[in-house]
Amino acid sequence: MKLNRKAIWLIFMTIFTFAGCDEKNAQSEIDLNNSVVIDVRTKKEFDRGHLKNAVNIPHTEIKEKIKSHVVDKNRKVVVYCRSGRRSGIAKDILDEMGYRNVINGGGYKKLKKIEK
């Protein structure tokens, strides 16, 4: 199958358009002021710096400790770590537990830039 320039351009633009959507949409969903913000890094990392309203629950302890901080499973929760990997694990655990509004905020440095 031979693609003409128009088809190649259309494919390129489609990929380019959707490539940045997830991060842009995720950033627009993050509301640090009206969410329970959970730092899932270690206590040592948390003590070196964290978002102002964050609660520290390491991702390895999230299943056991979440209920003492978030009772309403419909409440908006933002989880973050250093890079987004551990917060992704924490989000998956919370999703499995029935929490419905959990957002993986990604990395601390990124969120620090949007914190008000």
PDB file of N, CA and C in Angstrom:
ATOM      1  N   MET A   1       0.842  -1.179   0.000  1.00  0.00           N
ATOM      2  CA  MET A   1       0.000   0.000   0.000  1.00  0.00           C
ATOM      3  C   MET A   1       0.887   1.242   0.000  1.00  0.00           C
ATOM      4  N   LYS A   2       0.638   2.114  -0.942  1.00  0.00           N
ATOM      5  CA  LYS A   2       1.410   3.330  -1.053  1.00  0.00           C
ATOM      6  C   LYS A   2       0.589   4.497  -0.498  1.00  0.00           C
ATOM      7  N   LEU A   3       1.199   5.256   0.404  1.00  0.00           N
ATOM      8  CA  LEU A   3       0.507   6.405   0.991  1.00  0.00           C
ATOM      9  C   LEU A   3       0.926   7.681   0.293  1.00  0.00           C
ATOM     10  N   ASN A   4      -0.022   8.513   0.014  1.00  0.00           N
ATOM     11  CA  ASN A   4       0.313   9.797  -0.593  1.00  0.00           C
ATOM     12  C   ASN A   4       0.661  10.797   0.512  1.00  0.00           C
ATOM     13  N   ARG A   5       1.120  11.959   0.130  1.00  0.00           N
ATOM     14  CA  ARG A   5       1.538  12.979   1.095  1.00  0.00           C
ATOM     15  C   ARG A   5       0.410  13.387   2.036  1.00  0.00           C
ATOM     16  N   LYS A   6      -0.781  13.504   1.500  1.00  0.00           N
ATOM     17  CA  LYS A   6      -1.918  13.922   2.319  1.00  0.00           C
ATOM     18  C   LYS A   6      -2.201  12.893   3.417  1.00  0.00           C
ATOM     19  N   ALA A   7      -2.153  11.604   3.080  1.00  0.00           N
ATOM     20  CA  ALA A   7      -2.401  10.541   4.052  1.00  0.00           C
ATOM     21  C   ALA A   7      -1.309  10.527   5.117  1.00  0.00           C
ATOM     22  N   ILE A   8      -0.068  10.668   4.703  1.00  0.00           N
ATOM     23  CA  ILE A   8       1.044  10.700   5.657  1.00  0.00           C
ATOM     24  C   ILE A   8       0.899  11.898   6.591  1.00  0.00           C
ATOM     25  N   TRP A   9       0.572  13.057   6.048  1.00  0.00           N
ATOM     26  CA  TRP A   9       0.388  14.266   6.850  1.00  0.00           C
ATOM     27  C   TRP A   9      -0.756  14.070   7.858  1.00  0.00           C
ATOM     28  N   LEU A  10      -1.834  13.469   7.421  1.00  0.00           N
ATOM     29  CA  LEU A  10      -2.978  13.222   8.301  1.00  0.00           C
ATOM     30  C   LEU A  10      -2.597  12.276   9.440  1.00  0.00           C
ATOM     31  N   ILE A  11      -1.870  11.233   9.132  1.00  0.00           N
ATOM     32  CA  ILE A  11      -1.419  10.295  10.165  1.00  0.00           C
ATOM     33  C   ILE A  11      -0.493  11.008  11.147  1.00  0.00           C
ATOM     34  N   PHE A  12       0.448  11.752  10.649  1.00  0.00           N
ATOM     35  CA  PHE A  12       1.383  12.490  11.491  1.00  0.00           C
ATOM     36  C   PHE A  12       0.654  13.451  12.417  1.00  0.00           C
ATOM     37  N   MET A  13      -0.276  14.218  11.888  1.00  0.00           N
ATOM     38  CA  MET A  13      -1.005  15.200  12.689  1.00  0.00           C
ATOM     39  C   MET A  13      -1.880  14.524  13.747  1.00  0.00           C
ATOM     40  N   THR A  14      -2.460  13.396  13.408  1.00  0.00           N
ATOM     41  CA  THR A  14      -3.281  12.657  14.372  1.00  0.00           C
ATOM     42  C   THR A  14      -2.423  12.181  15.540  1.00  0.00           C
ATOM     43  N   ILE A  15      -1.286  11.587  15.240  1.00  0.00           N
ATOM     44  CA  ILE A  15      -0.383  11.110  16.292  1.00  0.00           C
ATOM     45  C   ILE A  15       0.124  12.286  17.113  1.00  0.00           C
ATOM     46  N   PHE A  16       0.535  13.343  16.478  1.00  0.00           N
ATOM     47  CA  PHE A  16       1.063  14.517  17.165  1.00  0.00           C
ATOM     48  C   PHE A  16       0.006  15.141  18.069  1.00  0.00           C
ATOM     49  N   THR A  17      -1.223  15.215  17.591  1.00  0.00           N
ATOM     50  CA  THR A  17      -2.309  15.812  18.363  1.00  0.00           C
ATOM     51  C   THR A  17      -2.603  15.007  19.618  1.00  0.00           C
ATOM     52  N   PHE A  18      -2.684  13.699  19.488  1.00  0.00           N
ATOM     53  CA  PHE A  18      -3.043  12.861  20.635  1.00  0.00           C
ATOM     54  C   PHE A  18      -1.871  12.560  21.553  1.00  0.00           C
ATOM     55  N   ALA A  19      -0.658  12.728  21.093  1.00  0.00           N
ATOM     56  CA  ALA A  19       0.511  12.416  21.919  1.00  0.00           C
ATOM     57  C   ALA A  19       0.556  13.268  23.178  1.00  0.00           C
ATOM     58  N   GLY A  20       0.159  14.521  23.113  1.00  0.00           N
ATOM     59  CA  GLY A  20       0.225  15.395  24.269  1.00  0.00           C
ATOM     60  C   GLY A  20      -1.067  15.506  25.054  1.00  0.00           C
ATOM     61  N   CYS A  21      -2.105  14.830  24.622  1.00  0.00           N
ATOM     62  CA  CYS A  21      -3.411  14.976  25.272  1.00  0.00           C
ATOM     63  C   CYS A  21      -3.439  14.456  26.696  1.00  0.00           C
ATOM     64  N   ASP A  22      -2.849  13.308  26.937  1.00  0.00           N
ATOM     65  CA  ASP A  22      -2.940  12.712  28.267  1.00  0.00           C
ATOM     66  C   ASP A  22      -2.352  13.613  29.326  1.00  0.00           C
ATOM     67  N   GLU A  23      -1.152  14.136  29.099  1.00  0.00           N
ATOM     68  CA  GLU A  23      -0.527  14.980  30.104  1.00  0.00           C
ATOM     69  C   GLU A  23      -1.278  16.292  30.261  1.00  0.00           C
ATOM     70  N   LYS A  24      -1.701  16.893  29.157  1.00  0.00           N
ATOM     71  CA  LYS A  24      -2.434  18.148  29.236  1.00  0.00           C
ATOM     72  C   LYS A  24      -3.755  17.943  29.982  1.00  0.00           C
ATOM     73  N   ASN A  25      -4.493  16.896  29.638  1.00  0.00           N
ATOM     74  CA  ASN A  25      -5.759  16.616  30.308  1.00  0.00           C
ATOM     75  C   ASN A  25      -5.541  16.264  31.763  1.00  0.00           C
ATOM     76  N   ALA A  26      -4.483  15.505  32.068  1.00  0.00           N
ATOM     77  CA  ALA A  26      -4.208  15.136  33.455  1.00  0.00           C
ATOM     78  C   ALA A  26      -3.897  16.377  34.273  1.00  0.00           C
ATOM     79  N   GLN A  27      -3.123  17.301  33.707  1.00  0.00           N
ATOM     80  CA  GLN A  27      -2.798  18.526  34.435  1.00  0.00           C
ATOM     81  C   GLN A  27      -4.043  19.361  34.674  1.00  0.00           C
ATOM     82  N   SER A  28      -4.960  19.412  33.712  1.00  0.00           N
ATOM     83  CA  SER A  28      -6.161  20.211  33.891  1.00  0.00           C
ATOM     84  C   SER A  28      -7.106  19.579  34.906  1.00  0.00           C
ATOM     85  N   GLU A  29      -7.010  18.251  35.114  1.00  0.00           N
ATOM     86  CA  GLU A  29      -7.841  17.556  36.091  1.00  0.00           C
ATOM     87  C   GLU A  29      -7.331  17.745  37.507  1.00  0.00           C
ATOM     88  N   ILE A  30      -6.070  18.070  37.669  1.00  0.00           N
ATOM     89  CA  ILE A  30      -5.463  18.133  38.993  1.00  0.00           C
ATOM     90  C   ILE A  30      -5.893  19.405  39.708  1.00  0.00           C
ATOM     91  N   ASP A  31      -6.589  19.198  40.812  1.00  0.00           N
ATOM     92  CA  ASP A  31      -7.037  20.304  41.649  1.00  0.00           C
ATOM     93  C   ASP A  31      -6.494  20.051  43.051  1.00  0.00           C
ATOM     94  N   LEU A  32      -5.344  20.615  43.336  1.00  0.00           N
ATOM     95  CA  LEU A  32      -4.681  20.360  44.607  1.00  0.00           C
ATOM     96  C   LEU A  32      -5.409  20.996  45.781  1.00  0.00           C
ATOM     97  N   ASN A  33      -6.219  21.998  45.521  1.00  0.00           N
ATOM     98  CA  ASN A  33      -6.913  22.695  46.606  1.00  0.00           C
ATOM     99  C   ASN A  33      -8.194  22.007  47.054  1.00  0.00           C
ATOM    100  N   ASN A  34      -8.803  21.223  46.189  1.00  0.00           N
ATOM    101  CA  ASN A  34     -10.067  20.564  46.510  1.00  0.00           C
ATOM    102  C   ASN A  34      -9.966  19.049  46.456  1.00  0.00           C
ATOM    103  N   SER A  35      -8.785  18.544  46.741  1.00  0.00           N
ATOM    104  CA  SER A  35      -8.536  17.105  46.719  1.00  0.00           C
ATOM    105  C   SER A  35      -7.753  16.717  47.961  1.00  0.00           C
ATOM    106  N   VAL A  36      -7.831  15.444  48.285  1.00  0.00           N
ATOM    107  CA  VAL A  36      -6.910  14.904  49.281  1.00  0.00           C
ATOM    108  C   VAL A  36      -5.639  14.599  48.504  1.00  0.00           C
ATOM    109  N   VAL A  37      -4.534  15.209  48.908  1.00  0.00           N
ATOM    110  CA  VAL A  37      -3.271  15.049  48.197  1.00  0.00           C
ATOM    111  C   VAL A  37      -2.388  14.098  48.999  1.00  0.00           C
ATOM    112  N   ILE A  38      -1.977  13.015  48.354  1.00  0.00           N
ATOM    113  CA  ILE A  38      -1.207  11.989  49.033  1.00  0.00           C
ATOM    114  C   ILE A  38       0.148  11.812  48.348  1.00  0.00           C
ATOM    115  N   ASP A  39       1.189  12.023  49.126  1.00  0.00           N
ATOM    116  CA  ASP A  39       2.560  11.800  48.688  1.00  0.00           C
ATOM    117  C   ASP A  39       2.896  10.350  49.024  1.00  0.00           C
ATOM    118  N   VAL A  40       3.136   9.530  48.015  1.00  0.00           N
ATOM    119  CA  VAL A  40       3.366   8.106  48.243  1.00  0.00           C
ATOM    120  C   VAL A  40       4.853   7.748  48.284  1.00  0.00           C
ATOM    121  N   ARG A  41       5.695   8.758  48.428  1.00  0.00           N
ATOM    122  CA  ARG A  41       7.131   8.509  48.571  1.00  0.00           C
ATOM    123  C   ARG A  41       7.440   8.074  50.008  1.00  0.00           C
ATOM    124  N   THR A  42       8.680   7.756  50.270  1.00  0.00           N
ATOM    125  CA  THR A  42       9.094   7.382  51.618  1.00  0.00           C
ATOM    126  C   THR A  42       9.042   8.596  52.540  1.00  0.00           C
ATOM    127  N   LYS A  43       9.047   8.355  53.840  1.00  0.00           N
ATOM    128  CA  LYS A  43       9.042   9.447  54.812  1.00  0.00           C
ATOM    129  C   LYS A  43      10.276  10.334  54.631  1.00  0.00           C
ATOM    130  N   LYS A  44      11.402   9.721  54.361  1.00  0.00           N
ATOM    131  CA  LYS A  44      12.644  10.472  54.155  1.00  0.00           C
ATOM    132  C   LYS A  44      12.510  11.434  52.973  1.00  0.00           C
ATOM    133  N   GLU A  45      11.941  10.958  51.868  1.00  0.00           N
ATOM    134  CA  GLU A  45      11.722  11.821  50.700  1.00  0.00           C
ATOM    135  C   GLU A  45      10.728  12.923  51.035  1.00  0.00           C
ATOM    136  N   PHE A  46       9.651  12.560  51.716  1.00  0.00           N
ATOM    137  CA  PHE A  46       8.617  13.514  52.111  1.00  0.00           C
ATOM    138  C   PHE A  46       9.211  14.623  52.982  1.00  0.00           C
ATOM    139  N   ASP A  47      10.058  14.241  53.922  1.00  0.00           N
ATOM    140  CA  ASP A  47      10.670  15.216  54.839  1.00  0.00           C
ATOM    141  C   ASP A  47      11.599  16.191  54.126  1.00  0.00           C
ATOM    142  N   ARG A  48      12.126  15.803  52.977  1.00  0.00           N
ATOM    143  CA  ARG A  48      12.998  16.691  52.195  1.00  0.00           C
ATOM    144  C   ARG A  48      12.212  17.746  51.420  1.00  0.00           C
ATOM    145  N   GLY A  49      10.890  17.566  51.307  1.00  0.00           N
ATOM    146  CA  GLY A  49      10.045  18.517  50.588  1.00  0.00           C
ATOM    147  C   GLY A  49       8.798  17.835  50.080  1.00  0.00           C
ATOM    148  N   HIS A  50       7.683  18.534  50.205  1.00  0.00           N
ATOM    149  CA  HIS A  50       6.407  17.986  49.760  1.00  0.00           C
ATOM    150  C   HIS A  50       5.435  19.122  49.470  1.00  0.00           C
ATOM    151  N   LEU A  51       4.310  18.806  48.854  1.00  0.00           N
ATOM    152  CA  LEU A  51       3.282  19.805  48.609  1.00  0.00           C
ATOM    153  C   LEU A  51       2.668  20.205  49.944  1.00  0.00           C
ATOM    154  N   LYS A  52       2.214  21.443  50.040  1.00  0.00           N
ATOM    155  CA  LYS A  52       1.822  21.993  51.345  1.00  0.00           C
ATOM    156  C   LYS A  52       0.687  21.254  52.044  1.00  0.00           C
ATOM    157  N   ASN A  53      -0.261  20.715  51.347  1.00  0.00           N
ATOM    158  CA  ASN A  53      -1.384  20.016  51.992  1.00  0.00           C
ATOM    159  C   ASN A  53      -1.288  18.504  51.886  1.00  0.00           C
ATOM    160  N   ALA A  54      -0.125  18.003  51.530  1.00  0.00           N
ATOM    161  CA  ALA A  54       0.025  16.564  51.291  1.00  0.00           C
ATOM    162  C   ALA A  54       0.100  15.763  52.591  1.00  0.00           C
ATOM    163  N   VAL A  55      -0.449  14.565  52.502  1.00  0.00           N
ATOM    164  CA  VAL A  55      -0.346  13.560  53.549  1.00  0.00           C
ATOM    165  C   VAL A  55       0.629  12.511  53.034  1.00  0.00           C
ATOM    166  N   ASN A  56       1.533  12.040  53.892  1.00  0.00           N
ATOM    167  CA  ASN A  56       2.497  11.036  53.464  1.00  0.00           C
ATOM    168  C   ASN A  56       2.004   9.639  53.808  1.00  0.00           C
ATOM    169  N   ILE A  57       1.713   8.870  52.765  1.00  0.00           N
ATOM    170  CA  ILE A  57       1.401   7.448  52.909  1.00  0.00           C
ATOM    171  C   ILE A  57       2.219   6.733  51.839  1.00  0.00           C
ATOM    172  N   PRO A  58       3.336   6.107  52.216  1.00  0.00           N
ATOM    173  CA  PRO A  58       4.137   5.394  51.222  1.00  0.00           C
ATOM    174  C   PRO A  58       3.291   4.392  50.440  1.00  0.00           C
ATOM    175  N   HIS A  59       3.605   4.239  49.161  1.00  0.00           N
ATOM    176  CA  HIS A  59       2.787   3.380  48.299  1.00  0.00           C
ATOM    177  C   HIS A  59       2.688   1.953  48.821  1.00  0.00           C
ATOM    178  N   THR A  60       3.691   1.503  49.569  1.00  0.00           N
ATOM    179  CA  THR A  60       3.667   0.154  50.125  1.00  0.00           C
ATOM    180  C   THR A  60       2.693   0.026  51.294  1.00  0.00           C
ATOM    181  N   GLU A  61       2.194   1.162  51.796  1.00  0.00           N
ATOM    182  CA  GLU A  61       1.285   1.159  52.944  1.00  0.00           C
ATOM    183  C   GLU A  61      -0.102   1.711  52.603  1.00  0.00           C
ATOM    184  N   ILE A  62      -0.315   2.075  51.342  1.00  0.00           N
ATOM    185  CA  ILE A  62      -1.539   2.777  50.948  1.00  0.00           C
ATOM    186  C   ILE A  62      -2.799   1.958  51.249  1.00  0.00           C
ATOM    187  N   LYS A  63      -2.758   0.672  51.010  1.00  0.00           N
ATOM    188  CA  LYS A  63      -3.938  -0.164  51.206  1.00  0.00           C
ATOM    189  C   LYS A  63      -4.358  -0.185  52.673  1.00  0.00           C
ATOM    190  N   GLU A  64      -3.409  -0.227  53.574  1.00  0.00           N
ATOM    191  CA  GLU A  64      -3.706  -0.304  54.998  1.00  0.00           C
ATOM    192  C   GLU A  64      -4.077   1.045  55.604  1.00  0.00           C
ATOM    193  N   LYS A  65      -3.539   2.139  55.069  1.00  0.00           N
ATOM    194  CA  LYS A  65      -3.683   3.443  55.729  1.00  0.00           C
ATOM    195  C   LYS A  65      -4.654   4.417  55.066  1.00  0.00           C
ATOM    196  N   ILE A  66      -5.114   4.139  53.866  1.00  0.00           N
ATOM    197  CA  ILE A  66      -5.944   5.100  53.143  1.00  0.00           C
ATOM    198  C   ILE A  66      -7.242   5.418  53.865  1.00  0.00           C
ATOM    199  N   LYS A  67      -7.857   4.441  54.485  1.00  0.00           N
ATOM    200  CA  LYS A  67      -9.165   4.650  55.117  1.00  0.00           C
ATOM    201  C   LYS A  67      -9.113   5.646  56.271  1.00  0.00           C
ATOM    202  N   SER A  68      -7.959   5.808  56.888  1.00  0.00           N
ATOM    203  CA  SER A  68      -7.863   6.790  57.973  1.00  0.00           C
ATOM    204  C   SER A  68      -7.762   8.216  57.439  1.00  0.00           C
ATOM    205  N   HIS A  69      -7.541   8.376  56.150  1.00  0.00           N
ATOM    206  CA  HIS A  69      -7.434   9.707  55.546  1.00  0.00           C
ATOM    207  C   HIS A  69      -8.551  10.012  54.557  1.00  0.00           C
ATOM    208  N   VAL A  70      -9.073   8.979  53.899  1.00  0.00           N
ATOM    209  CA  VAL A  70     -10.127   9.165  52.895  1.00  0.00           C
ATOM    210  C   VAL A  70     -11.196   8.093  53.112  1.00  0.00           C
ATOM    211  N   VAL A  71     -12.293   8.493  53.723  1.00  0.00           N
ATOM    212  CA  VAL A  71     -13.391   7.566  53.986  1.00  0.00           C
ATOM    213  C   VAL A  71     -14.327   7.489  52.778  1.00  0.00           C
ATOM    214  N   ASP A  72     -14.646   8.641  52.208  1.00  0.00           N
ATOM    215  CA  ASP A  72     -15.568   8.736  51.073  1.00  0.00           C
ATOM    216  C   ASP A  72     -14.853   8.306  49.792  1.00  0.00           C
ATOM    217  N   LYS A  73     -15.248   7.198  49.225  1.00  0.00           N
ATOM    218  CA  LYS A  73     -14.594   6.674  48.031  1.00  0.00           C
ATOM    219  C   LYS A  73     -14.900   7.489  46.774  1.00  0.00           C
ATOM    220  N   ASN A  74     -15.777   8.473  46.882  1.00  0.00           N
ATOM    221  CA  ASN A  74     -16.053   9.380  45.767  1.00  0.00           C
ATOM    222  C   ASN A  74     -15.224  10.661  45.850  1.00  0.00           C
ATOM    223  N   ARG A  75     -14.520  10.850  46.930  1.00  0.00           N
ATOM    224  CA  ARG A  75     -13.711  12.054  47.140  1.00  0.00           C
ATOM    225  C   ARG A  75     -12.568  12.093  46.140  1.00  0.00           C
ATOM    226  N   LYS A  76     -12.242  13.265  45.658  1.00  0.00           N
ATOM    227  CA  LYS A  76     -11.141  13.412  44.705  1.00  0.00           C
ATOM    228  C   LYS A  76      -9.815  13.267  45.454  1.00  0.00           C
ATOM    229  N   VAL A  77      -8.964  12.388  44.940  1.00  0.00           N
ATOM    230  CA  VAL A  77      -7.666  12.097  45.538  1.00  0.00           C
ATOM    231  C   VAL A  77      -6.597  12.255  44.460  1.00  0.00           C
ATOM    232  N   VAL A  78      -5.511  12.952  44.809  1.00  0.00           N
ATOM    233  CA  VAL A  78      -4.365  13.071  43.917  1.00  0.00           C
ATOM    234  C   VAL A  78      -3.189  12.392  44.598  1.00  0.00           C
ATOM    235  N   VAL A  79      -2.599  11.418  43.931  1.00  0.00           N
ATOM    236  CA  VAL A  79      -1.411  10.745  44.449  1.00  0.00           C
ATOM    237  C   VAL A  79      -0.210  11.173  43.611  1.00  0.00           C
ATOM    238  N   TYR A  80       0.933  11.329  44.271  1.00  0.00           N
ATOM    239  CA  TYR A  80       2.147  11.696  43.539  1.00  0.00           C
ATOM    240  C   TYR A  80       3.367  11.077  44.214  1.00  0.00           C
ATOM    241  N   CYS A  81       4.465  11.033  43.476  1.00  0.00           N
ATOM    242  CA  CYS A  81       5.738  10.521  43.987  1.00  0.00           C
ATOM    243  C   CYS A  81       6.860  11.321  43.334  1.00  0.00           C
ATOM    244  N   ARG A  82       7.977  10.693  43.055  1.00  0.00           N
ATOM    245  CA  ARG A  82       9.081  11.408  42.420  1.00  0.00           C
ATOM    246  C   ARG A  82       8.897  11.479  40.908  1.00  0.00           C
ATOM    247  N   SER A  83       8.474  10.347  40.317  1.00  0.00           N
ATOM    248  CA  SER A  83       8.399  10.307  38.857  1.00  0.00           C
ATOM    249  C   SER A  83       7.022   9.933  38.309  1.00  0.00           C
ATOM    250  N   GLY A  84       6.170   9.355  39.138  1.00  0.00           N
ATOM    251  CA  GLY A  84       4.857   8.903  38.678  1.00  0.00           C
ATOM    252  C   GLY A  84       4.692   7.405  38.708  1.00  0.00           C
ATOM    253  N   ARG A  85       5.783   6.660  38.873  1.00  0.00           N
ATOM    254  CA  ARG A  85       5.701   5.199  38.887  1.00  0.00           C
ATOM    255  C   ARG A  85       5.019   4.690  40.154  1.00  0.00           C
ATOM    256  N   ARG A  86       5.496   5.111  41.318  1.00  0.00           N
ATOM    257  CA  ARG A  86       4.890   4.648  42.567  1.00  0.00           C
ATOM    258  C   ARG A  86       3.475   5.181  42.734  1.00  0.00           C
ATOM    259  N   SER A  87       3.228   6.401  42.271  1.00  0.00           N
ATOM    260  CA  SER A  87       1.863   6.925  42.359  1.00  0.00           C
ATOM    261  C   SER A  87       0.937   6.161  41.418  1.00  0.00           C
ATOM    262  N   GLY A  88       1.457   5.633  40.323  1.00  0.00           N
ATOM    263  CA  GLY A  88       0.667   4.782  39.438  1.00  0.00           C
ATOM    264  C   GLY A  88       0.283   3.479  40.122  1.00  0.00           C
ATOM    265  N   ILE A  89       1.229   2.923  40.871  1.00  0.00           N
ATOM    266  CA  ILE A  89       0.946   1.706  41.636  1.00  0.00           C
ATOM    267  C   ILE A  89      -0.118   2.001  42.688  1.00  0.00           C
ATOM    268  N   ALA A  90       0.053   3.120  43.404  1.00  0.00           N
ATOM    269  CA  ALA A  90      -0.918   3.500  44.438  1.00  0.00           C
ATOM    270  C   ALA A  90      -2.299   3.728  43.831  1.00  0.00           C
ATOM    271  N   LYS A  91      -2.355   4.388  42.679  1.00  0.00           N
ATOM    272  CA  LYS A  91      -3.640   4.627  42.013  1.00  0.00           C
ATOM    273  C   LYS A  91      -4.323   3.307  41.672  1.00  0.00           C
ATOM    274  N   ASP A  92      -3.558   2.358  41.150  1.00  0.00           N
ATOM    275  CA  ASP A  92      -4.124   1.053  40.806  1.00  0.00           C
ATOM    276  C   ASP A  92      -4.706   0.363  42.041  1.00  0.00           C
ATOM    277  N   ILE A  93      -3.995   0.442  43.153  1.00  0.00           N
ATOM    278  CA  ILE A  93      -4.473  -0.163  44.400  1.00  0.00           C
ATOM    279  C   ILE A  93      -5.771   0.499  44.838  1.00  0.00           C
ATOM    280  N   LEU A  94      -5.799   1.835  44.811  1.00  0.00           N
ATOM    281  CA  LEU A  94      -7.003   2.558  45.229  1.00  0.00           C
ATOM    282  C   LEU A  94      -8.175   2.281  44.285  1.00  0.00           C
ATOM    283  N   ASP A  95      -7.897   2.199  42.999  1.00  0.00           N
ATOM    284  CA  ASP A  95      -8.948   1.847  42.037  1.00  0.00           C
ATOM    285  C   ASP A  95      -9.535   0.476  42.368  1.00  0.00           C
ATOM    286  N   GLU A  96      -8.667  -0.483  42.659  1.00  0.00           N
ATOM    287  CA  GLU A  96      -9.116  -1.836  43.007  1.00  0.00           C
ATOM    288  C   GLU A  96      -9.942  -1.843  44.292  1.00  0.00           C
ATOM    289  N   MET A  97      -9.658  -0.896  45.195  1.00  0.00           N
ATOM    290  CA  MET A  97     -10.382  -0.803  46.462  1.00  0.00           C
ATOM    291  C   MET A  97     -11.721  -0.086  46.309  1.00  0.00           C
ATOM    292  N   GLY A  98     -11.985   0.440  45.112  1.00  0.00           N
ATOM    293  CA  GLY A  98     -13.266   1.088  44.856  1.00  0.00           C
ATOM    294  C   GLY A  98     -13.255   2.599  44.923  1.00  0.00           C
ATOM    295  N   TYR A  99     -12.077   3.212  45.067  1.00  0.00           N
ATOM    296  CA  TYR A  99     -12.009   4.677  45.028  1.00  0.00           C
ATOM    297  C   TYR A  99     -12.219   5.100  43.583  1.00  0.00           C
ATOM    298  N   ARG A 100     -13.102   6.072  43.375  1.00  0.00           N
ATOM    299  CA  ARG A 100     -13.548   6.396  42.022  1.00  0.00           C
ATOM    300  C   ARG A 100     -12.921   7.642  41.400  1.00  0.00           C
ATOM    301  N   ASN A 101     -12.291   8.488  42.194  1.00  0.00           N
ATOM    302  CA  ASN A 101     -11.757   9.749  41.673  1.00  0.00           C
ATOM    303  C   ASN A 101     -10.292   9.929  42.034  1.00  0.00           C
ATOM    304  N   VAL A 102      -9.493   8.945  41.682  1.00  0.00           N
ATOM    305  CA  VAL A 102      -8.062   8.997  41.979  1.00  0.00           C
ATOM    306  C   VAL A 102      -7.314   9.426  40.727  1.00  0.00           C
ATOM    307  N   ILE A 103      -6.462  10.418  40.893  1.00  0.00           N
ATOM    308  CA  ILE A 103      -5.651  10.925  39.785  1.00  0.00           C
ATOM    309  C   ILE A 103      -4.185  10.714  40.121  1.00  0.00           C
ATOM    310  N   ASN A 104      -3.466  10.132  39.186  1.00  0.00           N
ATOM    311  CA  ASN A 104      -2.013  10.020  39.322  1.00  0.00           C
ATOM    312  C   ASN A 104      -1.431  11.367  38.910  1.00  0.00           C
ATOM    313  N   GLY A 105      -1.020  12.141  39.902  1.00  0.00           N
ATOM    314  CA  GLY A 105      -0.468  13.462  39.631  1.00  0.00           C
ATOM    315  C   GLY A 105       0.931  13.422  39.063  1.00  0.00           C
ATOM    316  N   GLY A 106       1.570  12.270  39.109  1.00  0.00           N
ATOM    317  CA  GLY A 106       2.913  12.146  38.564  1.00  0.00           C
ATOM    318  C   GLY A 106       3.977  12.563  39.553  1.00  0.00           C
ATOM    319  N   GLY A 107       4.940  13.322  39.071  1.00  0.00           N
ATOM    320  CA  GLY A 107       6.099  13.690  39.875  1.00  0.00           C
ATOM    321  C   GLY A 107       5.932  14.944  40.706  1.00  0.00           C
ATOM    322  N   TYR A 108       6.612  14.948  41.837  1.00  0.00           N
ATOM    323  CA  TYR A 108       6.582  16.063  42.790  1.00  0.00           C
ATOM    324  C   TYR A 108       6.978  17.387  42.138  1.00  0.00           C
ATOM    325  N   LYS A 109       8.072  17.406  41.400  1.00  0.00           N
ATOM    326  CA  LYS A 109       8.549  18.658  40.820  1.00  0.00           C
ATOM    327  C   LYS A 109       7.530  19.274  39.868  1.00  0.00           C
ATOM    328  N   LYS A 110       6.858  18.427  39.094  1.00  0.00           N
ATOM    329  CA  LYS A 110       5.824  18.927  38.161  1.00  0.00           C
ATOM    330  C   LYS A 110       4.669  19.563  38.933  1.00  0.00           C
ATOM    331  N   LEU A 111       4.227  18.876  39.985  1.00  0.00           N
ATOM    332  CA  LEU A 111       3.107  19.393  40.766  1.00  0.00           C
ATOM    333  C   LEU A 111       3.490  20.647  41.551  1.00  0.00           C
ATOM    334  N   LYS A 112       4.726  20.713  41.985  1.00  0.00           N
ATOM    335  CA  LYS A 112       5.186  21.887  42.737  1.00  0.00           C
ATOM    336  C   LYS A 112       5.036  23.148  41.882  1.00  0.00           C
ATOM    337  N   LYS A 113       5.210  22.997  40.574  1.00  0.00           N
ATOM    338  CA  LYS A 113       5.088  24.142  39.670  1.00  0.00           C
ATOM    339  C   LYS A 113       3.650  24.649  39.555  1.00  0.00           C
ATOM    340  N   ILE A 114       2.656  23.747  39.760  1.00  0.00           N
ATOM    341  CA  ILE A 114       1.265  24.194  39.626  1.00  0.00           C
ATOM    342  C   ILE A 114       0.603  24.447  40.978  1.00  0.00           C
ATOM    343  N   GLU A 115       1.329  24.171  42.060  1.00  0.00           N
ATOM    344  CA  GLU A 115       0.787  24.397  43.397  1.00  0.00           C
ATOM    345  C   GLU A 115       0.596  25.891  43.628  1.00  0.00           C
ATOM    346  N   LYS A 116      -0.537  26.263  44.237  1.00  0.00           N
ATOM    347  CA  LYS A 116      -0.810  27.687  44.507  1.00  0.00           C
ATOM    348  C   LYS A 116      -0.703  27.960  45.970  1.00  0.00           C
TER     349      LYS A 116
END
